[in-house]
Amino acid sequence: MSIVPTEGPEAAVLLPHWLSEEDRELLAVVVRAAVEEPGVHPVAAVHLADVLTELHVAAARDAVWPGPAARVRRVTGWADDVLPVRLSAAELDSVLGLAALPAALRATLGGRRP
């Protein structure tokens, strides 16, 4: 049985953020550096670690099931390296709270939030 997040069931929803390979690599570098900071809040560290996991899962998902992302890329005209990175609201908030997050990547992630 899953535990419902304290923010409510909508906090557990994972939303796709379509990121290029360059964006995913940059996000991984920034998040990894934040997790290694000695002053990072423990809860934020957990969310950021989940973001790193999802970056790996996104690539694995595309390797095993390439069809769904390929259809979206074909319809939208996006490049072949664009993949969905699924983040919860808490994970996204943790990433957007990083001062080192580049403005362009912040805009990309922030613009996809409902």
PDB file of N, CA and C in Angstrom:
ATOM      1  N   MET A   1       0.840  -1.163   0.000  1.00  0.00           N
ATOM      2  CA  MET A   1       0.000   0.000   0.000  1.00  0.00           C
ATOM      3  C   MET A   1       0.893   1.237   0.000  1.00  0.00           C
ATOM      4  N   SER A   2       0.546   2.218  -0.811  1.00  0.00           N
ATOM      5  CA  SER A   2       1.291   3.466  -0.872  1.00  0.00           C
ATOM      6  C   SER A   2       0.760   4.447   0.159  1.00  0.00           C
ATOM      7  N   ILE A   3       1.648   5.284   0.617  1.00  0.00           N
ATOM      8  CA  ILE A   3       1.265   6.338   1.553  1.00  0.00           C
ATOM      9  C   ILE A   3       0.945   7.586   0.750  1.00  0.00           C
ATOM     10  N   VAL A   4      -0.198   8.200   1.033  1.00  0.00           N
ATOM     11  CA  VAL A   4      -0.583   9.427   0.345  1.00  0.00           C
ATOM     12  C   VAL A   4       0.282  10.563   0.881  1.00  0.00           C
ATOM     13  N   PRO A   5       0.908  11.341  -0.019  1.00  0.00           N
ATOM     14  CA  PRO A   5       1.730  12.458   0.447  1.00  0.00           C
ATOM     15  C   PRO A   5       0.909  13.428   1.295  1.00  0.00           C
ATOM     16  N   THR A   6       1.586  14.099   2.226  1.00  0.00           N
ATOM     17  CA  THR A   6       0.888  15.027   3.113  1.00  0.00           C
ATOM     18  C   THR A   6       0.279  16.193   2.350  1.00  0.00           C
ATOM     19  N   GLU A   7       0.810  16.498   1.159  1.00  0.00           N
ATOM     20  CA  GLU A   7       0.270  17.589   0.359  1.00  0.00           C
ATOM     21  C   GLU A   7      -1.005  17.182  -0.371  1.00  0.00           C
ATOM     22  N   GLY A   8      -1.390  15.936  -0.292  1.00  0.00           N
ATOM     23  CA  GLY A   8      -2.568  15.435  -0.976  1.00  0.00           C
ATOM     24  C   GLY A   8      -2.169  14.527  -2.122  1.00  0.00           C
ATOM     25  N   PRO A   9      -3.148  13.818  -2.697  1.00  0.00           N
ATOM     26  CA  PRO A   9      -2.839  12.854  -3.759  1.00  0.00           C
ATOM     27  C   PRO A   9      -2.265  13.497  -5.015  1.00  0.00           C
ATOM     28  N   GLU A  10      -2.596  14.773  -5.283  1.00  0.00           N
ATOM     29  CA  GLU A  10      -2.071  15.417  -6.491  1.00  0.00           C
ATOM     30  C   GLU A  10      -0.556  15.598  -6.429  1.00  0.00           C
ATOM     31  N   ALA A  11       0.020  15.595  -5.233  1.00  0.00           N
ATOM     32  CA  ALA A  11       1.470  15.741  -5.087  1.00  0.00           C
ATOM     33  C   ALA A  11       2.210  14.510  -5.606  1.00  0.00           C
ATOM     34  N   ALA A  12       1.524  13.376  -5.686  1.00  0.00           N
ATOM     35  CA  ALA A  12       2.146  12.142  -6.154  1.00  0.00           C
ATOM     36  C   ALA A  12       2.114  12.011  -7.671  1.00  0.00           C
ATOM     37  N   VAL A  13       1.438  12.909  -8.353  1.00  0.00           N
ATOM     38  CA  VAL A  13       1.339  12.849  -9.809  1.00  0.00           C
ATOM     39  C   VAL A  13       2.686  13.210 -10.426  1.00  0.00           C
ATOM     40  N   LEU A  14       3.116  12.402 -11.375  1.00  0.00           N
ATOM     41  CA  LEU A  14       4.364  12.676 -12.083  1.00  0.00           C
ATOM     42  C   LEU A  14       4.032  13.308 -13.429  1.00  0.00           C
ATOM     43  N   LEU A  15       4.541  14.507 -13.651  1.00  0.00           N
ATOM     44  CA  LEU A  15       4.301  15.205 -14.911  1.00  0.00           C
ATOM     45  C   LEU A  15       5.534  15.118 -15.794  1.00  0.00           C
ATOM     46  N   PRO A  16       5.343  14.863 -17.091  1.00  0.00           N
ATOM     47  CA  PRO A  16       6.504  14.787 -17.980  1.00  0.00           C
ATOM     48  C   PRO A  16       7.024  16.176 -18.340  1.00  0.00           C
ATOM     49  N   HIS A  17       8.321  16.319 -18.279  1.00  0.00           N
ATOM     50  CA  HIS A  17       9.008  17.531 -18.716  1.00  0.00           C
ATOM     51  C   HIS A  17       9.933  17.078 -19.838  1.00  0.00           C
ATOM     52  N   TRP A  18       9.640  17.513 -21.051  1.00  0.00           N
ATOM     53  CA  TRP A  18      10.357  17.042 -22.224  1.00  0.00           C
ATOM     54  C   TRP A  18      11.670  17.800 -22.346  1.00  0.00           C
ATOM     55  N   LEU A  19      12.772  17.074 -22.115  1.00  0.00           N
ATOM     56  CA  LEU A  19      14.093  17.685 -22.069  1.00  0.00           C
ATOM     57  C   LEU A  19      15.022  17.062 -23.101  1.00  0.00           C
ATOM     58  N   SER A  20      15.844  17.902 -23.697  1.00  0.00           N
ATOM     59  CA  SER A  20      16.857  17.415 -24.632  1.00  0.00           C
ATOM     60  C   SER A  20      17.967  16.710 -23.851  1.00  0.00           C
ATOM     61  N   GLU A  21      18.824  16.019 -24.574  1.00  0.00           N
ATOM     62  CA  GLU A  21      19.940  15.338 -23.917  1.00  0.00           C
ATOM     63  C   GLU A  21      20.828  16.350 -23.194  1.00  0.00           C
ATOM     64  N   GLU A  22      21.063  17.496 -23.822  1.00  0.00           N
ATOM     65  CA  GLU A  22      21.875  18.540 -23.200  1.00  0.00           C
ATOM     66  C   GLU A  22      21.228  19.040 -21.903  1.00  0.00           C
ATOM     67  N   ASP A  23      19.912  19.258 -21.935  1.00  0.00           N
ATOM     68  CA  ASP A  23      19.198  19.700 -20.733  1.00  0.00           C
ATOM     69  C   ASP A  23      19.267  18.645 -19.630  1.00  0.00           C
ATOM     70  N   ARG A  24      19.118  17.380 -20.004  1.00  0.00           N
ATOM     71  CA  ARG A  24      19.167  16.304 -19.003  1.00  0.00           C
ATOM     72  C   ARG A  24      20.550  16.209 -18.374  1.00  0.00           C
ATOM     73  N   GLU A  25      21.590  16.338 -19.198  1.00  0.00           N
ATOM     74  CA  GLU A  25      22.953  16.281 -18.670  1.00  0.00           C
ATOM     75  C   GLU A  25      23.225  17.459 -17.739  1.00  0.00           C
ATOM     76  N   LEU A  26      22.796  18.651 -18.133  1.00  0.00           N
ATOM     77  CA  LEU A  26      22.980  19.834 -17.300  1.00  0.00           C
ATOM     78  C   LEU A  26      22.209  19.702 -15.987  1.00  0.00           C
ATOM     79  N   LEU A  27      20.980  19.207 -16.073  1.00  0.00           N
ATOM     80  CA  LEU A  27      20.178  19.001 -14.870  1.00  0.00           C
ATOM     81  C   LEU A  27      20.870  18.017 -13.931  1.00  0.00           C
ATOM     82  N   ALA A  28      21.414  16.946 -14.472  1.00  0.00           N
ATOM     83  CA  ALA A  28      22.107  15.954 -13.646  1.00  0.00           C
ATOM     84  C   ALA A  28      23.314  16.569 -12.942  1.00  0.00           C
ATOM     85  N   VAL A  29      24.078  17.389 -13.652  1.00  0.00           N
ATOM     86  CA  VAL A  29      25.258  18.023 -13.053  1.00  0.00           C
ATOM     87  C   VAL A  29      24.850  18.943 -11.909  1.00  0.00           C
ATOM     88  N   VAL A  30      23.834  19.774 -12.145  1.00  0.00           N
ATOM     89  CA  VAL A  30      23.383  20.733 -11.127  1.00  0.00           C
ATOM     90  C   VAL A  30      22.800  20.005  -9.916  1.00  0.00           C
ATOM     91  N   VAL A  31      21.974  19.004 -10.166  1.00  0.00           N
ATOM     92  CA  VAL A  31      21.338  18.271  -9.062  1.00  0.00           C
ATOM     93  C   VAL A  31      22.380  17.478  -8.278  1.00  0.00           C
ATOM     94  N   ARG A  32      23.303  16.836  -8.982  1.00  0.00           N
ATOM     95  CA  ARG A  32      24.344  16.063  -8.296  1.00  0.00           C
ATOM     96  C   ARG A  32      25.175  16.973  -7.380  1.00  0.00           C
ATOM     97  N   ALA A  33      25.520  18.160  -7.873  1.00  0.00           N
ATOM     98  CA  ALA A  33      26.287  19.112  -7.057  1.00  0.00           C
ATOM     99  C   ALA A  33      25.486  19.542  -5.830  1.00  0.00           C
ATOM    100  N   ALA A  34      24.190  19.746  -6.002  1.00  0.00           N
ATOM    101  CA  ALA A  34      23.345  20.164  -4.877  1.00  0.00           C
ATOM    102  C   ALA A  34      23.237  19.065  -3.826  1.00  0.00           C
ATOM    103  N   VAL A  35      23.120  17.822  -4.265  1.00  0.00           N
ATOM    104  CA  VAL A  35      23.010  16.698  -3.328  1.00  0.00           C
ATOM    105  C   VAL A  35      24.298  16.556  -2.520  1.00  0.00           C
ATOM    106  N   GLU A  36      25.425  16.870  -3.134  1.00  0.00           N
ATOM    107  CA  GLU A  36      26.717  16.729  -2.457  1.00  0.00           C
ATOM    108  C   GLU A  36      27.032  17.890  -1.519  1.00  0.00           C
ATOM    109  N   GLU A  37      26.229  18.953  -1.567  1.00  0.00           N
ATOM    110  CA  GLU A  37      26.435  20.096  -0.668  1.00  0.00           C
ATOM    111  C   GLU A  37      26.190  19.657   0.773  1.00  0.00           C
ATOM    112  N   PRO A  38      27.067  20.043   1.695  1.00  0.00           N
ATOM    113  CA  PRO A  38      26.873  19.620   3.089  1.00  0.00           C
ATOM    114  C   PRO A  38      25.641  20.234   3.755  1.00  0.00           C
ATOM    115  N   GLY A  39      25.193  21.389   3.297  1.00  0.00           N
ATOM    116  CA  GLY A  39      24.065  22.050   3.945  1.00  0.00           C
ATOM    117  C   GLY A  39      22.710  21.764   3.333  1.00  0.00           C
ATOM    118  N   VAL A  40      22.639  20.818   2.393  1.00  0.00           N
ATOM    119  CA  VAL A  40      21.357  20.539   1.744  1.00  0.00           C
ATOM    120  C   VAL A  40      20.384  19.939   2.765  1.00  0.00           C
ATOM    121  N   HIS A  41      19.147  20.387   2.708  1.00  0.00           N
ATOM    122  CA  HIS A  41      18.117  19.873   3.619  1.00  0.00           C
ATOM    123  C   HIS A  41      17.882  18.394   3.299  1.00  0.00           C
ATOM    124  N   PRO A  42      17.740  17.547   4.307  1.00  0.00           N
ATOM    125  CA  PRO A  42      17.569  16.110   4.061  1.00  0.00           C
ATOM    126  C   PRO A  42      16.376  15.770   3.167  1.00  0.00           C
ATOM    127  N   VAL A  43      15.267  16.465   3.333  1.00  0.00           N
ATOM    128  CA  VAL A  43      14.093  16.180   2.497  1.00  0.00           C
ATOM    129  C   VAL A  43      14.373  16.588   1.053  1.00  0.00           C
ATOM    130  N   ALA A  44      14.996  17.736   0.872  1.00  0.00           N
ATOM    131  CA  ALA A  44      15.359  18.176  -0.482  1.00  0.00           C
ATOM    132  C   ALA A  44      16.341  17.193  -1.104  1.00  0.00           C
ATOM    133  N   ALA A  45      17.266  16.673  -0.308  1.00  0.00           N
ATOM    134  CA  ALA A  45      18.238  15.705  -0.822  1.00  0.00           C
ATOM    135  C   ALA A  45      17.544  14.452  -1.346  1.00  0.00           C
ATOM    136  N   VAL A  46      16.510  14.003  -0.652  1.00  0.00           N
ATOM    137  CA  VAL A  46      15.755  12.827  -1.103  1.00  0.00           C
ATOM    138  C   VAL A  46      15.062  13.127  -2.429  1.00  0.00           C
ATOM    139  N   HIS A  47      14.414  14.283  -2.517  1.00  0.00           N
ATOM    140  CA  HIS A  47      13.734  14.649  -3.764  1.00  0.00           C
ATOM    141  C   HIS A  47      14.732  14.789  -4.911  1.00  0.00           C
ATOM    142  N   LEU A  48      15.865  15.399  -4.643  1.00  0.00           N
ATOM    143  CA  LEU A  48      16.875  15.575  -5.686  1.00  0.00           C
ATOM    144  C   LEU A  48      17.468  14.234  -6.111  1.00  0.00           C
ATOM    145  N   ALA A  49      17.647  13.320  -5.167  1.00  0.00           N
ATOM    146  CA  ALA A  49      18.120  11.974  -5.517  1.00  0.00           C
ATOM    147  C   ALA A  49      17.094  11.271  -6.403  1.00  0.00           C
ATOM    148  N   ASP A  50      15.811  11.497  -6.126  1.00  0.00           N
ATOM    149  CA  ASP A  50      14.760  10.927  -6.974  1.00  0.00           C
ATOM    150  C   ASP A  50      14.816  11.503  -8.387  1.00  0.00           C
ATOM    151  N   VAL A  51      15.182  12.772  -8.509  1.00  0.00           N
ATOM    152  CA  VAL A  51      15.331  13.388  -9.835  1.00  0.00           C
ATOM    153  C   VAL A  51      16.465  12.701 -10.596  1.00  0.00           C
ATOM    154  N   LEU A  52      17.580  12.458  -9.925  1.00  0.00           N
ATOM    155  CA  LEU A  52      18.690  11.755 -10.580  1.00  0.00           C
ATOM    156  C   LEU A  52      18.267  10.361 -11.028  1.00  0.00           C
ATOM    157  N   THR A  53      17.497   9.677 -10.190  1.00  0.00           N
ATOM    158  CA  THR A  53      16.996   8.353 -10.564  1.00  0.00           C
ATOM    159  C   THR A  53      16.111   8.449 -11.796  1.00  0.00           C
ATOM    160  N   GLU A  54      15.213   9.425 -11.822  1.00  0.00           N
ATOM    161  CA  GLU A  54      14.304   9.575 -12.961  1.00  0.00           C
ATOM    162  C   GLU A  54      15.057   9.891 -14.247  1.00  0.00           C
ATOM    163  N   LEU A  55      16.152  10.623 -14.158  1.00  0.00           N
ATOM    164  CA  LEU A  55      16.945  10.889 -15.360  1.00  0.00           C
ATOM    165  C   LEU A  55      17.464   9.583 -15.959  1.00  0.00           C
ATOM    166  N   HIS A  56      17.877   8.648 -15.108  1.00  0.00           N
ATOM    167  CA  HIS A  56      18.324   7.337 -15.588  1.00  0.00           C
ATOM    168  C   HIS A  56      17.145   6.521 -16.109  1.00  0.00           C
ATOM    169  N   VAL A  57      16.036   6.580 -15.399  1.00  0.00           N
ATOM    170  CA  VAL A  57      14.845   5.825 -15.794  1.00  0.00           C
ATOM    171  C   VAL A  57      14.318   6.316 -17.142  1.00  0.00           C
ATOM    172  N   ALA A  58      14.363   7.617 -17.377  1.00  0.00           N
ATOM    173  CA  ALA A  58      13.876   8.170 -18.647  1.00  0.00           C
ATOM    174  C   ALA A  58      14.647   7.585 -19.822  1.00  0.00           C
ATOM    175  N   ALA A  59      15.958   7.501 -19.686  1.00  0.00           N
ATOM    176  CA  ALA A  59      16.778   6.930 -20.758  1.00  0.00           C
ATOM    177  C   ALA A  59      16.499   5.437 -20.920  1.00  0.00           C
ATOM    178  N   ALA A  60      16.372   4.731 -19.808  1.00  0.00           N
ATOM    179  CA  ALA A  60      16.083   3.295 -19.872  1.00  0.00           C
ATOM    180  C   ALA A  60      14.709   3.037 -20.471  1.00  0.00           C
ATOM    181  N   ARG A  61      13.729   3.851 -20.079  1.00  0.00           N
ATOM    182  CA  ARG A  61      12.369   3.706 -20.601  1.00  0.00           C
ATOM    183  C   ARG A  61      12.373   3.855 -22.125  1.00  0.00           C
ATOM    184  N   ASP A  62      13.130   4.830 -22.617  1.00  0.00           N
ATOM    185  CA  ASP A  62      13.178   5.054 -24.059  1.00  0.00           C
ATOM    186  C   ASP A  62      13.899   3.914 -24.774  1.00  0.00           C
ATOM    187  N   ALA A  63      14.893   3.315 -24.120  1.00  0.00           N
ATOM    188  CA  ALA A  63      15.605   2.191 -24.731  1.00  0.00           C
ATOM    189  C   ALA A  63      14.707   0.962 -24.838  1.00  0.00           C
ATOM    190  N   VAL A  64      13.872   0.743 -23.825  1.00  0.00           N
ATOM    191  CA  VAL A  64      13.007  -0.437 -23.803  1.00  0.00           C
ATOM    192  C   VAL A  64      11.726  -0.209 -24.601  1.00  0.00           C
ATOM    193  N   TRP A  65      11.125   0.967 -24.452  1.00  0.00           N
ATOM    194  CA  TRP A  65       9.872   1.304 -25.138  1.00  0.00           C
ATOM    195  C   TRP A  65      10.047   2.612 -25.911  1.00  0.00           C
ATOM    196  N   PRO A  66      10.719   2.577 -27.046  1.00  0.00           N
ATOM    197  CA  PRO A  66      10.995   3.822 -27.775  1.00  0.00           C
ATOM    198  C   PRO A  66       9.774   4.415 -28.475  1.00  0.00           C
ATOM    199  N   GLY A  67       8.759   3.640 -28.710  1.00  0.00           N
ATOM    200  CA  GLY A  67       7.608   4.083 -29.491  1.00  0.00           C
ATOM    201  C   GLY A  67       6.863   5.295 -28.964  1.00  0.00           C
ATOM    202  N   PRO A  68       6.449   5.303 -27.694  1.00  0.00           N
ATOM    203  CA  PRO A  68       5.654   6.439 -27.205  1.00  0.00           C
ATOM    204  C   PRO A  68       6.355   7.789 -27.336  1.00  0.00           C
ATOM    205  N   ALA A  69       7.601   7.873 -26.910  1.00  0.00           N
ATOM    206  CA  ALA A  69       8.318   9.152 -27.009  1.00  0.00           C
ATOM    207  C   ALA A  69       8.571   9.514 -28.468  1.00  0.00           C
ATOM    208  N   ALA A  70       8.836   8.520 -29.301  1.00  0.00           N
ATOM    209  CA  ALA A  70       9.074   8.786 -30.722  1.00  0.00           C
ATOM    210  C   ALA A  70       7.828   9.369 -31.381  1.00  0.00           C
ATOM    211  N   ARG A  71       6.656   8.867 -31.006  1.00  0.00           N
ATOM    212  CA  ARG A  71       5.417   9.417 -31.573  1.00  0.00           C
ATOM    213  C   ARG A  71       5.228  10.876 -31.173  1.00  0.00           C
ATOM    214  N   VAL A  72       5.488  11.187 -29.918  1.00  0.00           N
ATOM    215  CA  VAL A  72       5.352  12.578 -29.461  1.00  0.00           C
ATOM    216  C   VAL A  72       6.348  13.467 -30.192  1.00  0.00           C
ATOM    217  N   ARG A  73       7.588  13.008 -30.305  1.00  0.00           N
ATOM    218  CA  ARG A  73       8.604  13.808 -31.013  1.00  0.00           C
ATOM    219  C   ARG A  73       8.215  14.027 -32.469  1.00  0.00           C
ATOM    220  N   ARG A  74       7.680  13.001 -33.099  1.00  0.00           N
ATOM    221  CA  ARG A  74       7.292  13.111 -34.506  1.00  0.00           C
ATOM    222  C   ARG A  74       6.177  14.144 -34.672  1.00  0.00           C
ATOM    223  N   VAL A  75       5.188  14.113 -33.802  1.00  0.00           N
ATOM    224  CA  VAL A  75       4.050  15.036 -33.892  1.00  0.00           C
ATOM    225  C   VAL A  75       4.469  16.469 -33.582  1.00  0.00           C
ATOM    226  N   THR A  76       5.344  16.641 -32.596  1.00  0.00           N
ATOM    227  CA  THR A  76       5.742  17.987 -32.171  1.00  0.00           C
ATOM    228  C   THR A  76       6.888  18.558 -32.991  1.00  0.00           C
ATOM    229  N   GLY A  77       7.618  17.695 -33.684  1.00  0.00           N
ATOM    230  CA  GLY A  77       8.773  18.158 -34.438  1.00  0.00           C
ATOM    231  C   GLY A  77      10.026  18.313 -33.585  1.00  0.00           C
ATOM    232  N   TRP A  78       9.989  17.763 -32.368  1.00  0.00           N
ATOM    233  CA  TRP A  78      11.147  17.851 -31.486  1.00  0.00           C
ATOM    234  C   TRP A  78      12.264  16.945 -31.983  1.00  0.00           C
ATOM    235  N   ALA A  79      13.483  17.240 -31.562  1.00  0.00           N
ATOM    236  CA  ALA A  79      14.657  16.457 -31.939  1.00  0.00           C
ATOM    237  C   ALA A  79      14.582  15.047 -31.349  1.00  0.00           C
ATOM    238  N   ASP A  80      15.369  14.147 -31.930  1.00  0.00           N
ATOM    239  CA  ASP A  80      15.360  12.747 -31.506  1.00  0.00           C
ATOM    240  C   ASP A  80      15.886  12.524 -30.089  1.00  0.00           C
ATOM    241  N   ASP A  81      16.606  13.503 -29.538  1.00  0.00           N
ATOM    242  CA  ASP A  81      17.170  13.316 -28.201  1.00  0.00           C
ATOM    243  C   ASP A  81      16.252  13.804 -27.082  1.00  0.00           C
ATOM    244  N   VAL A  82      15.074  14.308 -27.414  1.00  0.00           N
ATOM    245  CA  VAL A  82      14.141  14.825 -26.406  1.00  0.00           C
ATOM    246  C   VAL A  82      13.379  13.657 -25.774  1.00  0.00           C
ATOM    247  N   LEU A  83      13.419  13.599 -24.434  1.00  0.00           N
ATOM    248  CA  LEU A  83      12.747  12.529 -23.688  1.00  0.00           C
ATOM    249  C   LEU A  83      11.917  13.118 -22.552  1.00  0.00           C
ATOM    250  N   PRO A  84      10.861  12.407 -22.145  1.00  0.00           N
ATOM    251  CA  PRO A  84      10.094  12.872 -20.990  1.00  0.00           C
ATOM    252  C   PRO A  84      10.785  12.486 -19.681  1.00  0.00           C
ATOM    253  N   VAL A  85      10.992  13.474 -18.843  1.00  0.00           N
ATOM    254  CA  VAL A  85      11.516  13.252 -17.495  1.00  0.00           C
ATOM    255  C   VAL A  85      10.345  13.532 -16.564  1.00  0.00           C
ATOM    256  N   ARG A  86       9.871  12.502 -15.893  1.00  0.00           N
ATOM    257  CA  ARG A  86       8.650  12.611 -15.079  1.00  0.00           C
ATOM    258  C   ARG A  86       9.002  13.005 -13.651  1.00  0.00           C
ATOM    259  N   LEU A  87       8.483  14.164 -13.241  1.00  0.00           N
ATOM    260  CA  LEU A  87       8.791  14.694 -11.913  1.00  0.00           C
ATOM    261  C   LEU A  87       7.517  14.973 -11.133  1.00  0.00           C
ATOM    262  N   SER A  88       7.572  14.718  -9.836  1.00  0.00           N
ATOM    263  CA  SER A  88       6.472  15.097  -8.950  1.00  0.00           C
ATOM    264  C   SER A  88       6.589  16.587  -8.653  1.00  0.00           C
ATOM    265  N   ALA A  89       5.550  17.144  -8.060  1.00  0.00           N
ATOM    266  CA  ALA A  89       5.581  18.566  -7.694  1.00  0.00           C
ATOM    267  C   ALA A  89       6.703  18.838  -6.696  1.00  0.00           C
ATOM    268  N   ALA A  90       6.904  17.936  -5.744  1.00  0.00           N
ATOM    269  CA  ALA A  90       7.959  18.124  -4.743  1.00  0.00           C
ATOM    270  C   ALA A  90       9.344  18.062  -5.378  1.00  0.00           C
ATOM    271  N   GLU A  91       9.520  17.130  -6.309  1.00  0.00           N
ATOM    272  CA  GLU A  91      10.810  17.033  -6.999  1.00  0.00           C
ATOM    273  C   GLU A  91      11.069  18.288  -7.823  1.00  0.00           C
ATOM    274  N   LEU A  92      10.045  18.737  -8.538  1.00  0.00           N
ATOM    275  CA  LEU A  92      10.194  19.940  -9.354  1.00  0.00           C
ATOM    276  C   LEU A  92      10.489  21.153  -8.481  1.00  0.00           C
ATOM    277  N   ASP A  93       9.784  21.287  -7.370  1.00  0.00           N
ATOM    278  CA  ASP A  93      10.041  22.405  -6.451  1.00  0.00           C
ATOM    279  C   ASP A  93      11.475  22.369  -5.931  1.00  0.00           C
ATOM    280  N   SER A  94      11.973  21.180  -5.628  1.00  0.00           N
ATOM    281  CA  SER A  94      13.350  21.056  -5.144  1.00  0.00           C
ATOM    282  C   SER A  94      14.348  21.495  -6.206  1.00  0.00           C
ATOM    283  N   VAL A  95      14.090  21.127  -7.449  1.00  0.00           N
ATOM    284  CA  VAL A  95      14.979  21.524  -8.546  1.00  0.00           C
ATOM    285  C   VAL A  95      14.894  23.026  -8.783  1.00  0.00           C
ATOM    286  N   LEU A  96      13.674  23.552  -8.843  1.00  0.00           N
ATOM    287  CA  LEU A  96      13.509  24.983  -9.101  1.00  0.00           C
ATOM    288  C   LEU A  96      14.051  25.830  -7.951  1.00  0.00           C
ATOM    289  N   GLY A  97      14.203  25.245  -6.781  1.00  0.00           N
ATOM    290  CA  GLY A  97      14.762  25.955  -5.640  1.00  0.00           C
ATOM    291  C   GLY A  97      16.279  26.031  -5.637  1.00  0.00           C
ATOM    292  N   LEU A  98      16.918  25.406  -6.611  1.00  0.00           N
ATOM    293  CA  LEU A  98      18.380  25.422  -6.675  1.00  0.00           C
ATOM    294  C   LEU A  98      18.867  26.725  -7.300  1.00  0.00           C
ATOM    295  N   ALA A  99      19.693  27.444  -6.580  1.00  0.00           N
ATOM    296  CA  ALA A  99      20.224  28.717  -7.088  1.00  0.00           C
ATOM    297  C   ALA A  99      21.109  28.506  -8.313  1.00  0.00           C
ATOM    298  N   ALA A 100      21.767  27.365  -8.406  1.00  0.00           N
ATOM    299  CA  ALA A 100      22.691  27.101  -9.511  1.00  0.00           C
ATOM    300  C   ALA A 100      21.993  26.661 -10.798  1.00  0.00           C
ATOM    301  N   LEU A 101      20.683  26.497 -10.773  1.00  0.00           N
ATOM    302  CA  LEU A 101      19.957  26.055 -11.965  1.00  0.00           C
ATOM    303  C   LEU A 101      19.992  27.166 -13.014  1.00  0.00           C
ATOM    304  N   PRO A 102      20.525  26.893 -14.207  1.00  0.00           N
ATOM    305  CA  PRO A 102      20.592  27.925 -15.242  1.00  0.00           C
ATOM    306  C   PRO A 102      19.196  28.437 -15.621  1.00  0.00           C
ATOM    307  N   ALA A 103      19.127  29.702 -15.983  1.00  0.00           N
ATOM    308  CA  ALA A 103      17.846  30.356 -16.277  1.00  0.00           C
ATOM    309  C   ALA A 103      17.082  29.651 -17.396  1.00  0.00           C
ATOM    310  N   ALA A 104      17.773  29.238 -18.440  1.00  0.00           N
ATOM    311  CA  ALA A 104      17.092  28.588 -19.568  1.00  0.00           C
ATOM    312  C   ALA A 104      16.455  27.267 -19.138  1.00  0.00           C
ATOM    313  N   LEU A 105      17.165  26.500 -18.338  1.00  0.00           N
ATOM    314  CA  LEU A 105      16.625  25.226 -17.858  1.00  0.00           C
ATOM    315  C   LEU A 105      15.497  25.469 -16.856  1.00  0.00           C
ATOM    316  N   ARG A 106      15.642  26.495 -16.039  1.00  0.00           N
ATOM    317  CA  ARG A 106      14.582  26.873 -15.096  1.00  0.00           C
ATOM    318  C   ARG A 106      13.305  27.224 -15.868  1.00  0.00           C
ATOM    319  N   ALA A 107      13.448  27.977 -16.951  1.00  0.00           N
ATOM    320  CA  ALA A 107      12.289  28.363 -17.763  1.00  0.00           C
ATOM    321  C   ALA A 107      11.654  27.142 -18.420  1.00  0.00           C
ATOM    322  N   THR A 108      12.475  26.233 -18.900  1.00  0.00           N
ATOM    323  CA  THR A 108      11.954  25.018 -19.529  1.00  0.00           C
ATOM    324  C   THR A 108      11.161  24.192 -18.526  1.00  0.00           C
ATOM    325  N   LEU A 109      11.715  23.994 -17.348  1.00  0.00           N
ATOM    326  CA  LEU A 109      11.027  23.198 -16.329  1.00  0.00           C
ATOM    327  C   LEU A 109       9.825  23.936 -15.755  1.00  0.00           C
ATOM    328  N   GLY A 110       9.965  25.207 -15.495  1.00  0.00           N
ATOM    329  CA  GLY A 110       8.886  25.985 -14.906  1.00  0.00           C
ATOM    330  C   GLY A 110       7.728  26.212 -15.852  1.00  0.00           C
ATOM    331  N   GLY A 111       8.003  26.240 -17.140  1.00  0.00           N
ATOM    332  CA  GLY A 111       6.961  26.483 -18.128  1.00  0.00           C
ATOM    333  C   GLY A 111       6.075  25.295 -18.395  1.00  0.00           C
ATOM    334  N   ARG A 112       6.455  24.124 -17.906  1.00  0.00           N
ATOM    335  CA  ARG A 112       5.679  22.919 -18.166  1.00  0.00           C
ATOM    336  C   ARG A 112       4.813  22.537 -16.979  1.00  0.00           C
ATOM    337  N   ARG A 113       4.746  23.386 -16.015  1.00  0.00           N
ATOM    338  CA  ARG A 113       3.957  23.066 -14.821  1.00  0.00           C
ATOM    339  C   ARG A 113       2.538  23.578 -14.999  1.00  0.00           C
ATOM    340  N   PRO A 114       1.524  22.747 -14.677  1.00  0.00           N
ATOM    341  CA  PRO A 114       0.135  23.187 -14.874  1.00  0.00           C
ATOM    342  C   PRO A 114      -0.260  24.314 -13.941  1.00  0.00           C
TER     343      PRO A 114
END
